[in-house]
Amino acid sequence: MKTVWEYSPETEAARILHAARQTAVGFYKTKGFAILPYGSALHGKNLVFLPGLPYLSIPRFWEKAARINVDSLPLKIPPRLLKAVISLLPSQSPHLPDKSLVQLWDRYQNQIIDQIYCLIPGRKDWIKQIIIQPTNYGTGASFNLLTKAPGTARIWLRSDQGISAIVESLLTILTRYEVLNHLSGLWSESEIIVDWLLAYSPLSEILEKIDPGYGMSLTIRSTRIKQIASLTTESEKFLSEIGAPVIKLNTMKNLPDHTWPARQRQLFRLLADRSPDLVTFDEIHGRLFAGHPDSFSLYAISKTVQRLRDLLEKNGVSGSFIQTRRREGYLLYS
């Protein structure tokens, strides 16, 4: 299998816009990530790095970033916006991938891919090519999801990450779509599956040899570590300096929900009024299906929730603000 390592001002600008989008809609906030300026002495899977650029010099930058669709890679970015971000990048030599990392991956790639296919035989030969774009920014890694074979696995790999981040990305590329769409799973549940494979499957024997200490940076463990007050303060200060929007409950309550379909509007107002408390399935049914006591259906409720999440996304707010509690109900994160 061929792995291509590619870097250009265009790929780095696209990465910044990807991270800006996830910042603007509040995705990172709901998943436990802290956003810090690039160059911070801190490192970890729970950190997102952005350069301290004059983003507000680009008219309506954060609004434009929030509208970027990040469901697939490569991103479809308006050329003028991409060019504007490139113009803000500091003049420096292209960030080439670490040669030792490239050599290490070349050495162990086939062994790792074969082991992944042994663990997930239903995905054998799904990956025809891997494209890795090294970057200084964003989360430790971001990637596309494969829904059919064969396909290209595309990975943004942050410069402080190693082989384990590539392996984690490939496992997620092959499994997350089914977890979310066929099993009605959550982002965190998808991450737990991959973390388990990294920690306890035969892959761990390979990683322990070539990427020592990888187990301390498993995604869910990292994002569930309680952030110290100073880290939260530093992140909020940086976001304020770069003019990033901060989504709070009042922000969401000011959304134009009067234009939404009645059922989604009723659900949104119920969740907003009760935030951050849980709203049970029975309470949702009582509000949305009043007068139809025999129409109770968890499927109908989940479809309404998904439509509401889609409406939030269209209005520049991450759908992940609506969080699921298994066998209990939903809540609006605030």
C-alpha atoms as a PDB file:
ATOM      1  CA  MET A   1       0.000   0.000   0.000  1.00  0.00           C
ATOM      2  CA  LYS A   2       1.194   3.481  -0.809  1.00  0.00           C
ATOM      3  CA  THR A   3       1.366   6.282   1.758  1.00  0.00           C
ATOM      4  CA  VAL A   4       1.757   9.812   0.440  1.00  0.00           C
ATOM      5  CA  TRP A   5       3.007  12.592   2.723  1.00  0.00           C
ATOM      6  CA  GLU A   6       2.052  16.004   1.400  1.00  0.00           C
ATOM      7  CA  TYR A   7       2.306  19.534   2.702  1.00  0.00           C
ATOM      8  CA  SER A   8       1.649  22.941   1.150  1.00  0.00           C
ATOM      9  CA  PRO A   9       0.393  26.361   2.246  1.00  0.00           C
ATOM     10  CA  GLU A  10      -2.997  25.222   0.919  1.00  0.00           C
ATOM     11  CA  THR A  11      -3.149  22.140   3.151  1.00  0.00           C
ATOM     12  CA  GLU A  12      -2.056  24.141   6.194  1.00  0.00           C
ATOM     13  CA  ALA A  13      -4.618  26.895   5.528  1.00  0.00           C
ATOM     14  CA  ALA A  14      -7.307  24.243   5.083  1.00  0.00           C
ATOM     15  CA  ARG A  15      -6.320  22.731   8.439  1.00  0.00           C
ATOM     16  CA  ILE A  16      -6.632  26.110  10.132  1.00  0.00           C
ATOM     17  CA  LEU A  17     -10.082  26.566   8.619  1.00  0.00           C
ATOM     18  CA  HIS A  18     -11.125  23.094   9.770  1.00  0.00           C
ATOM     19  CA  ALA A  19     -10.082  23.912  13.342  1.00  0.00           C
ATOM     20  CA  ALA A  20     -11.675  27.362  13.099  1.00  0.00           C
ATOM     21  CA  ARG A  21     -14.947  25.771  12.014  1.00  0.00           C
ATOM     22  CA  GLN A  22     -14.965  23.342  14.938  1.00  0.00           C
ATOM     23  CA  THR A  23     -14.128  26.241  17.259  1.00  0.00           C
ATOM     24  CA  ALA A  24     -16.828  28.517  15.871  1.00  0.00           C
ATOM     25  CA  VAL A  25     -19.656  25.982  16.171  1.00  0.00           C
ATOM     26  CA  GLY A  26     -18.612  24.877  19.665  1.00  0.00           C
ATOM     27  CA  PHE A  27     -17.650  21.290  18.761  1.00  0.00           C
ATOM     28  CA  TYR A  28     -14.410  21.367  20.740  1.00  0.00           C
ATOM     29  CA  LYS A  29     -16.174  22.811  23.776  1.00  0.00           C
ATOM     30  CA  THR A  30     -18.683  19.967  23.938  1.00  0.00           C
ATOM     31  CA  LYS A  31     -15.998  17.276  23.532  1.00  0.00           C
ATOM     32  CA  GLY A  32     -13.653  18.451  26.277  1.00  0.00           C
ATOM     33  CA  PHE A  33     -10.899  20.061  24.180  1.00  0.00           C
ATOM     34  CA  ALA A  34      -9.046  23.240  25.168  1.00  0.00           C
ATOM     35  CA  ILE A  35      -7.940  25.642  22.411  1.00  0.00           C
ATOM     36  CA  LEU A  36      -4.496  27.187  22.866  1.00  0.00           C
ATOM     37  CA  PRO A  37      -2.133  29.293  20.754  1.00  0.00           C
ATOM     38  CA  TYR A  38       0.378  27.414  18.641  1.00  0.00           C
ATOM     39  CA  GLY A  39       3.716  27.383  20.410  1.00  0.00           C
ATOM     40  CA  SER A  40       2.258  26.567  23.807  1.00  0.00           C
ATOM     41  CA  ALA A  41       4.568  24.476  25.973  1.00  0.00           C
ATOM     42  CA  LEU A  42       1.668  22.143  26.734  1.00  0.00           C
ATOM     43  CA  HIS A  43       0.957  19.025  24.703  1.00  0.00           C
ATOM     44  CA  GLY A  44      -1.780  16.436  24.717  1.00  0.00           C
ATOM     45  CA  LYS A  45      -4.727  14.882  22.912  1.00  0.00           C
ATOM     46  CA  ASN A  46      -7.118  17.202  24.758  1.00  0.00           C
ATOM     47  CA  LEU A  47      -5.484  20.316  23.266  1.00  0.00           C
ATOM     48  CA  VAL A  48      -6.219  22.122  20.006  1.00  0.00           C
ATOM     49  CA  PHE A  49      -3.634  24.516  18.596  1.00  0.00           C
ATOM     50  CA  LEU A  50      -4.410  27.536  16.438  1.00  0.00           C
ATOM     51  CA  PRO A  51      -1.979  30.217  15.259  1.00  0.00           C
ATOM     52  CA  GLY A  52      -2.535  33.696  16.651  1.00  0.00           C
ATOM     53  CA  LEU A  53      -3.425  35.266  13.316  1.00  0.00           C
ATOM     54  CA  PRO A  54      -5.463  38.440  12.674  1.00  0.00           C
ATOM     55  CA  TYR A  55      -8.542  36.454  11.651  1.00  0.00           C
ATOM     56  CA  LEU A  56     -10.826  39.461  11.956  1.00  0.00           C
ATOM     57  CA  SER A  57      -8.941  41.120   9.079  1.00  0.00           C
ATOM     58  CA  ILE A  58     -10.933  38.711   6.887  1.00  0.00           C
ATOM     59  CA  PRO A  59     -14.507  40.047   6.783  1.00  0.00           C
ATOM     60  CA  ARG A  60     -16.935  37.729   8.649  1.00  0.00           C
ATOM     61  CA  PHE A  61     -14.178  35.147   9.043  1.00  0.00           C
ATOM     62  CA  TRP A  62     -15.743  33.134  11.851  1.00  0.00           C
ATOM     63  CA  GLU A  63     -19.148  33.166  10.201  1.00  0.00           C
ATOM     64  CA  LYS A  64     -17.619  31.864   6.961  1.00  0.00           C
ATOM     65  CA  ALA A  65     -15.592  29.233   8.800  1.00  0.00           C
ATOM     66  CA  ALA A  66     -18.697  27.984  10.620  1.00  0.00           C
ATOM     67  CA  ARG A  67     -20.373  27.262   7.268  1.00  0.00           C
ATOM     68  CA  ILE A  68     -17.636  24.890   6.041  1.00  0.00           C
ATOM     69  CA  ASN A  69     -18.827  21.299   5.741  1.00  0.00           C
ATOM     70  CA  VAL A  70     -16.328  19.061   7.543  1.00  0.00           C
ATOM     71  CA  ASP A  71     -18.149  15.776   6.936  1.00  0.00           C
ATOM     72  CA  SER A  72     -15.693  14.732   4.230  1.00  0.00           C
ATOM     73  CA  LEU A  73     -12.128  15.409   3.096  1.00  0.00           C
ATOM     74  CA  PRO A  74     -10.702  17.195   1.243  1.00  0.00           C
ATOM     75  CA  LEU A  75     -12.711  20.198   2.407  1.00  0.00           C
ATOM     76  CA  LYS A  76     -14.617  22.256  -0.113  1.00  0.00           C
ATOM     77  CA  ILE A  77     -13.505  25.776   0.792  1.00  0.00           C
ATOM     78  CA  PRO A  78     -14.389  28.941  -1.132  1.00  0.00           C
ATOM     79  CA  PRO A  79     -11.162  29.817  -3.029  1.00  0.00           C
ATOM     80  CA  ARG A  80     -11.211  33.430  -1.870  1.00  0.00           C
ATOM     81  CA  LEU A  81     -11.412  32.388   1.794  1.00  0.00           C
ATOM     82  CA  LEU A  82      -8.593  29.850   1.401  1.00  0.00           C
ATOM     83  CA  LYS A  83      -6.407  32.427  -0.336  1.00  0.00           C
ATOM     84  CA  ALA A  84      -7.096  34.970   2.413  1.00  0.00           C
ATOM     85  CA  VAL A  85      -5.955  32.532   5.118  1.00  0.00           C
ATOM     86  CA  ILE A  86      -2.831  31.621   3.139  1.00  0.00           C
ATOM     87  CA  SER A  87      -1.963  35.323   3.018  1.00  0.00           C
ATOM     88  CA  LEU A  88      -1.999  35.409   6.837  1.00  0.00           C
ATOM     89  CA  LEU A  89       0.392  32.489   7.275  1.00  0.00           C
ATOM     90  CA  PRO A  90       3.851  33.442   8.512  1.00  0.00           C
ATOM     91  CA  SER A  91       6.511  33.258   5.841  1.00  0.00           C
ATOM     92  CA  GLN A  92       8.412  30.091   6.667  1.00  0.00           C
ATOM     93  CA  SER A  93       9.734  26.993   4.982  1.00  0.00           C
ATOM     94  CA  PRO A  94       7.080  24.329   4.474  1.00  0.00           C
ATOM     95  CA  HIS A  95       6.668  22.080   7.499  1.00  0.00           C
ATOM     96  CA  LEU A  96       7.934  18.786   6.148  1.00  0.00           C
ATOM     97  CA  PRO A  97       7.097  15.551   7.986  1.00  0.00           C
ATOM     98  CA  ASP A  98       9.658  14.288  10.472  1.00  0.00           C
ATOM     99  CA  LYS A  99      11.938  12.018   8.437  1.00  0.00           C
ATOM    100  CA  SER A 100      12.310   9.553  11.288  1.00  0.00           C
ATOM    101  CA  LEU A 101       8.515   9.257  11.553  1.00  0.00           C
ATOM    102  CA  VAL A 102       8.193   8.670   7.804  1.00  0.00           C
ATOM    103  CA  GLN A 103      10.862   5.967   7.952  1.00  0.00           C
ATOM    104  CA  LEU A 104       9.256   4.336  10.987  1.00  0.00           C
ATOM    105  CA  TRP A 105       5.848   4.269   9.311  1.00  0.00           C
ATOM    106  CA  ASP A 106       7.348   2.869   6.096  1.00  0.00           C
ATOM    107  CA  ARG A 107       8.947   0.095   8.133  1.00  0.00           C
ATOM    108  CA  TYR A 108       5.860  -0.943  10.112  1.00  0.00           C
ATOM    109  CA  GLN A 109       2.984   0.118   7.841  1.00  0.00           C
ATOM    110  CA  ASN A 110       2.277  -3.276   6.278  1.00  0.00           C
ATOM    111  CA  GLN A 111       2.465  -5.073   9.617  1.00  0.00           C
ATOM    112  CA  ILE A 112       0.055  -2.588  11.176  1.00  0.00           C
ATOM    113  CA  ILE A 113      -2.395  -2.650   8.261  1.00  0.00           C
ATOM    114  CA  ASP A 114      -2.396  -6.466   8.231  1.00  0.00           C
ATOM    115  CA  GLN A 115      -3.153  -6.506  11.965  1.00  0.00           C
ATOM    116  CA  ILE A 116      -5.987  -4.000  11.530  1.00  0.00           C
ATOM    117  CA  TYR A 117      -7.543  -6.211   8.853  1.00  0.00           C
ATOM    118  CA  CYS A 118      -7.193  -9.227  11.174  1.00  0.00           C
ATOM    119  CA  LEU A 119      -9.114  -7.313  13.844  1.00  0.00           C
ATOM    120  CA  ILE A 120     -11.720  -6.034  11.371  1.00  0.00           C
ATOM    121  CA  PRO A 121     -11.873  -8.665   8.608  1.00  0.00           C
ATOM    122  CA  GLY A 122     -14.988  -7.098   7.138  1.00  0.00           C
ATOM    123  CA  ARG A 123     -12.883  -4.097   6.171  1.00  0.00           C
ATOM    124  CA  LYS A 124     -10.048  -5.989   4.498  1.00  0.00           C
ATOM    125  CA  ASP A 125      -8.602  -4.080   1.515  1.00  0.00           C
ATOM    126  CA  TRP A 126     -10.888  -1.100   2.084  1.00  0.00           C
ATOM    127  CA  ILE A 127      -7.924   1.290   2.130  1.00  0.00           C
ATOM    128  CA  LYS A 128      -6.256   1.616  -1.265  1.00  0.00           C
ATOM    129  CA  GLN A 129      -4.090   4.634  -0.364  1.00  0.00           C
ATOM    130  CA  ILE A 130      -3.156   6.735   2.665  1.00  0.00           C
ATOM    131  CA  ILE A 131      -2.547  10.478   2.384  1.00  0.00           C
ATOM    132  CA  ILE A 132      -0.993  12.077   5.458  1.00  0.00           C
ATOM    133  CA  GLN A 133      -0.821  15.856   5.668  1.00  0.00           C
ATOM    134  CA  PRO A 134       1.503  16.983   8.483  1.00  0.00           C
ATOM    135  CA  THR A 135       0.373  20.133  10.233  1.00  0.00           C
ATOM    136  CA  ASN A 136       1.158  22.318  13.215  1.00  0.00           C
ATOM    137  CA  TYR A 137      -2.480  22.971  14.077  1.00  0.00           C
ATOM    138  CA  GLY A 138      -5.801  21.528  15.154  1.00  0.00           C
ATOM    139  CA  THR A 139      -6.294  18.381  17.196  1.00  0.00           C
ATOM    140  CA  GLY A 140      -3.731  15.585  17.256  1.00  0.00           C
ATOM    141  CA  ALA A 141      -5.284  14.130  14.108  1.00  0.00           C
ATOM    142  CA  SER A 142      -8.353  14.516  11.903  1.00  0.00           C
ATOM    143  CA  PHE A 143      -9.490  12.263   9.100  1.00  0.00           C
ATOM    144  CA  ASN A 144     -12.231  11.257   6.698  1.00  0.00           C
ATOM    145  CA  LEU A 145     -14.550   8.266   7.127  1.00  0.00           C
ATOM    146  CA  LEU A 146     -14.793   5.452   4.598  1.00  0.00           C
ATOM    147  CA  THR A 147     -18.285   4.241   3.734  1.00  0.00           C
ATOM    148  CA  LYS A 148     -17.363   1.881   0.900  1.00  0.00           C
ATOM    149  CA  ALA A 149     -14.355   0.140  -0.572  1.00  0.00           C
ATOM    150  CA  PRO A 150     -11.855   0.820  -1.858  1.00  0.00           C
ATOM    151  CA  GLY A 151     -11.110   4.336  -0.702  1.00  0.00           C
ATOM    152  CA  THR A 152      -8.406   6.805   0.280  1.00  0.00           C
ATOM    153  CA  ALA A 153      -7.691   7.420   3.960  1.00  0.00           C
ATOM    154  CA  ARG A 154      -6.866  11.093   4.487  1.00  0.00           C
ATOM    155  CA  ILE A 155      -5.239  12.167   7.750  1.00  0.00           C
ATOM    156  CA  TRP A 156      -4.126  15.505   9.145  1.00  0.00           C
ATOM    157  CA  LEU A 157      -1.340  14.601  11.588  1.00  0.00           C
ATOM    158  CA  ARG A 158      -0.156  17.229  14.054  1.00  0.00           C
ATOM    159  CA  SER A 159       3.616  17.551  14.341  1.00  0.00           C
ATOM    160  CA  ASP A 160       3.731  16.453  18.003  1.00  0.00           C
ATOM    161  CA  GLN A 161       1.961  13.141  17.276  1.00  0.00           C
ATOM    162  CA  GLY A 162       3.428   9.781  16.363  1.00  0.00           C
ATOM    163  CA  ILE A 163       2.599   6.380  14.901  1.00  0.00           C
ATOM    164  CA  SER A 164      -0.187   5.673  17.394  1.00  0.00           C
ATOM    165  CA  ALA A 165      -2.137   8.687  16.120  1.00  0.00           C
ATOM    166  CA  ILE A 166      -1.933   7.302  12.570  1.00  0.00           C
ATOM    167  CA  VAL A 167      -3.152   3.893  13.761  1.00  0.00           C
ATOM    168  CA  GLU A 168      -5.957   5.479  15.788  1.00  0.00           C
ATOM    169  CA  SER A 169      -7.024   7.451  12.723  1.00  0.00           C
ATOM    170  CA  LEU A 170      -7.097   4.372  10.487  1.00  0.00           C
ATOM    171  CA  LEU A 171      -9.171   2.388  12.998  1.00  0.00           C
ATOM    172  CA  THR A 172     -11.647   5.242  13.276  1.00  0.00           C
ATOM    173  CA  ILE A 173     -11.771   5.745   9.512  1.00  0.00           C
ATOM    174  CA  LEU A 174     -12.887   2.123   9.159  1.00  0.00           C
ATOM    175  CA  THR A 175     -15.369   1.922  12.061  1.00  0.00           C
ATOM    176  CA  ARG A 176     -16.937   5.255  12.997  1.00  0.00           C
ATOM    177  CA  TYR A 177     -19.487   5.538  10.200  1.00  0.00           C
ATOM    178  CA  GLU A 178     -21.174   2.269  11.202  1.00  0.00           C
ATOM    179  CA  VAL A 179     -21.023   3.094  14.915  1.00  0.00           C
ATOM    180  CA  LEU A 180     -22.763   6.429  14.390  1.00  0.00           C
ATOM    181  CA  ASN A 181     -25.182   5.568  11.605  1.00  0.00           C
ATOM    182  CA  HIS A 182     -25.953   1.851  11.930  1.00  0.00           C
ATOM    183  CA  LEU A 183     -25.659   1.367  15.696  1.00  0.00           C
ATOM    184  CA  SER A 184     -26.916   4.828  16.745  1.00  0.00           C
ATOM    185  CA  GLY A 185     -23.667   5.253  18.657  1.00  0.00           C
ATOM    186  CA  LEU A 186     -22.098   8.400  20.051  1.00  0.00           C
ATOM    187  CA  TRP A 187     -18.773  10.082  19.264  1.00  0.00           C
ATOM    188  CA  SER A 188     -17.467   9.036  22.666  1.00  0.00           C
ATOM    189  CA  GLU A 189     -18.535   5.420  22.117  1.00  0.00           C
ATOM    190  CA  SER A 190     -16.701   5.349  18.796  1.00  0.00           C
ATOM    191  CA  GLU A 191     -13.601   6.674  20.548  1.00  0.00           C
ATOM    192  CA  ILE A 192     -13.857   4.070  23.323  1.00  0.00           C
ATOM    193  CA  ILE A 193     -13.926   1.235  20.761  1.00  0.00           C
ATOM    194  CA  VAL A 194     -10.766   2.538  19.104  1.00  0.00           C
ATOM    195  CA  ASP A 195      -9.054   3.212  22.438  1.00  0.00           C
ATOM    196  CA  TRP A 196      -9.750  -0.394  23.477  1.00  0.00           C
ATOM    197  CA  LEU A 197      -8.255  -1.761  20.264  1.00  0.00           C
ATOM    198  CA  LEU A 198      -5.163   0.390  20.763  1.00  0.00           C
ATOM    199  CA  ALA A 199      -4.747  -0.633  24.397  1.00  0.00           C
ATOM    200  CA  TYR A 200      -5.728  -4.297  24.485  1.00  0.00           C
ATOM    201  CA  SER A 201      -5.618  -5.852  21.017  1.00  0.00           C
ATOM    202  CA  PRO A 202      -2.450  -7.289  19.414  1.00  0.00           C
ATOM    203  CA  LEU A 203      -1.862  -3.791  17.994  1.00  0.00           C
ATOM    204  CA  SER A 204      -0.712  -2.762  21.466  1.00  0.00           C
ATOM    205  CA  GLU A 205       2.327  -5.069  21.205  1.00  0.00           C
ATOM    206  CA  ILE A 206       3.450  -3.277  18.060  1.00  0.00           C
ATOM    207  CA  LEU A 207       2.790   0.207  19.442  1.00  0.00           C
ATOM    208  CA  GLU A 208       4.536  -0.446  22.742  1.00  0.00           C
ATOM    209  CA  LYS A 209       7.667  -1.213  20.749  1.00  0.00           C
ATOM    210  CA  ILE A 210       7.632   1.735  18.352  1.00  0.00           C
ATOM    211  CA  ASP A 211       5.629   4.449  20.167  1.00  0.00           C
ATOM    212  CA  PRO A 212       6.350   4.119  23.908  1.00  0.00           C
ATOM    213  CA  GLY A 213       3.948   5.939  26.209  1.00  0.00           C
ATOM    214  CA  TYR A 214       1.124   6.003  23.657  1.00  0.00           C
ATOM    215  CA  GLY A 215      -1.307   4.575  26.215  1.00  0.00           C
ATOM    216  CA  MET A 216      -1.214   7.756  28.282  1.00  0.00           C
ATOM    217  CA  SER A 217      -2.715   9.781  25.428  1.00  0.00           C
ATOM    218  CA  LEU A 218      -5.746   7.700  24.478  1.00  0.00           C
ATOM    219  CA  THR A 219      -8.434  10.116  23.315  1.00  0.00           C
ATOM    220  CA  ILE A 220     -11.255   9.517  25.805  1.00  0.00           C
ATOM    221  CA  ARG A 221      -8.903   9.384  28.787  1.00  0.00           C
ATOM    222  CA  SER A 222      -7.337  12.679  27.660  1.00  0.00           C
ATOM    223  CA  THR A 223     -10.573  14.566  27.004  1.00  0.00           C
ATOM    224  CA  ARG A 224     -12.144  13.415  30.276  1.00  0.00           C
ATOM    225  CA  ILE A 225      -9.302  14.711  32.415  1.00  0.00           C
ATOM    226  CA  LYS A 226     -10.697  17.651  34.345  1.00  0.00           C
ATOM    227  CA  GLN A 227      -9.144  20.820  32.999  1.00  0.00           C
ATOM    228  CA  ILE A 228      -7.321  22.908  35.557  1.00  0.00           C
ATOM    229  CA  ALA A 229      -8.638  26.437  36.006  1.00  0.00           C
ATOM    230  CA  SER A 230      -5.496  28.052  34.580  1.00  0.00           C
ATOM    231  CA  LEU A 231      -5.825  26.050  31.335  1.00  0.00           C
ATOM    232  CA  THR A 232      -9.460  27.072  30.922  1.00  0.00           C
ATOM    233  CA  THR A 233      -8.562  30.701  31.603  1.00  0.00           C
ATOM    234  CA  GLU A 234      -5.708  30.600  29.080  1.00  0.00           C
ATOM    235  CA  SER A 235      -7.978  29.083  26.443  1.00  0.00           C
ATOM    236  CA  GLU A 236     -10.750  31.654  26.994  1.00  0.00           C
ATOM    237  CA  LYS A 237      -8.207  34.496  26.878  1.00  0.00           C
ATOM    238  CA  PHE A 238      -6.782  33.251  23.581  1.00  0.00           C
ATOM    239  CA  LEU A 239     -10.217  32.822  22.004  1.00  0.00           C
ATOM    240  CA  SER A 240     -11.063  36.372  23.006  1.00  0.00           C
ATOM    241  CA  GLU A 241      -7.815  37.665  21.484  1.00  0.00           C
ATOM    242  CA  ILE A 242      -8.508  36.071  18.098  1.00  0.00           C
ATOM    243  CA  GLY A 243     -12.159  37.140  18.114  1.00  0.00           C
ATOM    244  CA  ALA A 244     -13.593  33.606  18.165  1.00  0.00           C
ATOM    245  CA  PRO A 245     -17.287  33.348  19.038  1.00  0.00           C
ATOM    246  CA  VAL A 246     -18.143  31.709  22.340  1.00  0.00           C
ATOM    247  CA  ILE A 247     -21.401  29.780  22.216  1.00  0.00           C
ATOM    248  CA  LYS A 248     -23.414  29.904  25.413  1.00  0.00           C
ATOM    249  CA  LEU A 249     -26.993  29.074  26.308  1.00  0.00           C
ATOM    250  CA  ASN A 250     -28.156  32.633  25.576  1.00  0.00           C
ATOM    251  CA  THR A 251     -26.519  32.381  22.142  1.00  0.00           C
ATOM    252  CA  MET A 252     -28.601  29.333  21.358  1.00  0.00           C
ATOM    253  CA  LYS A 253     -31.788  30.811  22.787  1.00  0.00           C
ATOM    254  CA  ASN A 254     -31.417  33.684  20.306  1.00  0.00           C
ATOM    255  CA  LEU A 255     -31.441  31.357  17.288  1.00  0.00           C
ATOM    256  CA  PRO A 256     -34.366  31.983  14.864  1.00  0.00           C
ATOM    257  CA  ASP A 257     -36.283  28.909  15.991  1.00  0.00           C
ATOM    258  CA  HIS A 258     -39.611  30.530  15.018  1.00  0.00           C
ATOM    259  CA  THR A 259     -38.798  29.474  11.438  1.00  0.00           C
ATOM    260  CA  TRP A 260     -38.265  25.819  12.354  1.00  0.00           C
ATOM    261  CA  PRO A 261     -40.812  22.999  12.034  1.00  0.00           C
ATOM    262  CA  ALA A 262     -43.113  22.835  15.063  1.00  0.00           C
ATOM    263  CA  ARG A 263     -41.812  19.571  16.506  1.00  0.00           C
ATOM    264  CA  GLN A 264     -38.155  20.603  16.359  1.00  0.00           C
ATOM    265  CA  ARG A 265     -39.019  24.022  17.776  1.00  0.00           C
ATOM    266  CA  GLN A 266     -40.916  22.462  20.707  1.00  0.00           C
ATOM    267  CA  LEU A 267     -38.058  20.096  21.475  1.00  0.00           C
ATOM    268  CA  PHE A 268     -35.452  22.843  21.288  1.00  0.00           C
ATOM    269  CA  ARG A 269     -37.347  25.113  23.651  1.00  0.00           C
ATOM    270  CA  LEU A 270     -37.897  22.254  26.084  1.00  0.00           C
ATOM    271  CA  LEU A 271     -34.186  21.414  26.132  1.00  0.00           C
ATOM    272  CA  ALA A 272     -33.156  25.085  26.367  1.00  0.00           C
ATOM    273  CA  ASP A 273     -35.545  25.805  29.234  1.00  0.00           C
ATOM    274  CA  ARG A 274     -34.252  22.823  31.187  1.00  0.00           C
ATOM    275  CA  SER A 275     -30.540  23.181  30.332  1.00  0.00           C
ATOM    276  CA  PRO A 276     -28.250  21.849  31.695  1.00  0.00           C
ATOM    277  CA  ASP A 277     -30.633  19.343  33.286  1.00  0.00           C
ATOM    278  CA  LEU A 278     -31.703  16.125  31.617  1.00  0.00           C
ATOM    279  CA  VAL A 279     -35.038  15.852  29.810  1.00  0.00           C
ATOM    280  CA  THR A 280     -36.322  12.277  29.927  1.00  0.00           C
ATOM    281  CA  PHE A 281     -37.822  10.348  27.031  1.00  0.00           C
ATOM    282  CA  ASP A 282     -41.198  10.403  28.785  1.00  0.00           C
ATOM    283  CA  GLU A 283     -41.057  14.187  29.136  1.00  0.00           C
ATOM    284  CA  ILE A 284     -40.133  14.610  25.477  1.00  0.00           C
ATOM    285  CA  HIS A 285     -42.963  12.308  24.439  1.00  0.00           C
ATOM    286  CA  GLY A 286     -45.410  14.200  26.625  1.00  0.00           C
ATOM    287  CA  ARG A 287     -44.455  17.510  25.010  1.00  0.00           C
ATOM    288  CA  LEU A 288     -44.088  16.426  21.391  1.00  0.00           C
ATOM    289  CA  PHE A 289     -46.769  13.778  21.122  1.00  0.00           C
ATOM    290  CA  ALA A 290     -49.425  15.088  23.491  1.00  0.00           C
ATOM    291  CA  GLY A 291     -52.830  13.631  22.689  1.00  0.00           C
ATOM    292  CA  HIS A 292     -51.262  10.552  21.111  1.00  0.00           C
ATOM    293  CA  PRO A 293     -50.416   8.310  24.090  1.00  0.00           C
ATOM    294  CA  ASP A 294     -50.018   5.233  21.916  1.00  0.00           C
ATOM    295  CA  SER A 295     -47.497   6.827  19.595  1.00  0.00           C
ATOM    296  CA  PHE A 296     -44.492   6.526  21.937  1.00  0.00           C
ATOM    297  CA  SER A 297     -41.435   5.607  19.897  1.00  0.00           C
ATOM    298  CA  LEU A 298     -37.775   6.058  20.763  1.00  0.00           C
ATOM    299  CA  TYR A 299     -37.082   5.977  17.037  1.00  0.00           C
ATOM    300  CA  ALA A 300     -39.434   8.905  16.384  1.00  0.00           C
ATOM    301  CA  ILE A 301     -37.794  10.877  19.205  1.00  0.00           C
ATOM    302  CA  SER A 302     -34.269  10.110  17.952  1.00  0.00           C
ATOM    303  CA  LYS A 303     -35.183  11.212  14.412  1.00  0.00           C
ATOM    304  CA  THR A 304     -36.595  14.476  15.783  1.00  0.00           C
ATOM    305  CA  VAL A 305     -33.397  15.002  17.763  1.00  0.00           C
ATOM    306  CA  GLN A 306     -31.269  14.392  14.663  1.00  0.00           C
ATOM    307  CA  ARG A 307     -33.330  16.878  12.655  1.00  0.00           C
ATOM    308  CA  LEU A 308     -32.861  19.402  15.450  1.00  0.00           C
ATOM    309  CA  ARG A 309     -29.117  18.789  15.450  1.00  0.00           C
ATOM    310  CA  ASP A 310     -29.086  19.416  11.695  1.00  0.00           C
ATOM    311  CA  LEU A 311     -30.928  22.713  12.247  1.00  0.00           C
ATOM    312  CA  LEU A 312     -28.350  23.766  14.844  1.00  0.00           C
ATOM    313  CA  GLU A 313     -25.538  22.988  12.398  1.00  0.00           C
ATOM    314  CA  LYS A 314     -27.220  25.096   9.711  1.00  0.00           C
ATOM    315  CA  ASN A 315     -27.285  27.958  12.198  1.00  0.00           C
ATOM    316  CA  GLY A 316     -23.592  27.712  13.078  1.00  0.00           C
ATOM    317  CA  VAL A 317     -23.932  25.676  16.287  1.00  0.00           C
ATOM    318  CA  SER A 318     -22.539  22.168  16.683  1.00  0.00           C
ATOM    319  CA  GLY A 319     -25.228  19.506  16.888  1.00  0.00           C
ATOM    320  CA  SER A 320     -23.144  17.909  19.640  1.00  0.00           C
ATOM    321  CA  PHE A 321     -24.521  20.504  22.063  1.00  0.00           C
ATOM    322  CA  ILE A 322     -27.486  18.125  22.276  1.00  0.00           C
ATOM    323  CA  GLN A 323     -26.091  15.250  24.294  1.00  0.00           C
ATOM    324  CA  THR A 324     -27.526  11.789  24.774  1.00  0.00           C
ATOM    325  CA  ARG A 325     -27.873   9.896  28.039  1.00  0.00           C
ATOM    326  CA  ARG A 326     -28.346   6.226  27.279  1.00  0.00           C
ATOM    327  CA  ARG A 327     -31.783   4.900  28.341  1.00  0.00           C
ATOM    328  CA  GLU A 328     -32.591   8.242  29.993  1.00  0.00           C
ATOM    329  CA  GLY A 329     -33.023  11.130  27.567  1.00  0.00           C
ATOM    330  CA  TYR A 330     -31.275  14.228  26.218  1.00  0.00           C
ATOM    331  CA  LEU A 331     -29.803  17.459  27.528  1.00  0.00           C
ATOM    332  CA  LEU A 332     -28.601  20.730  26.011  1.00  0.00           C
ATOM    333  CA  TYR A 333     -24.983  21.284  26.992  1.00  0.00           C
ATOM    334  CA  SER A 334     -24.234  24.727  28.385  1.00  0.00           C
END
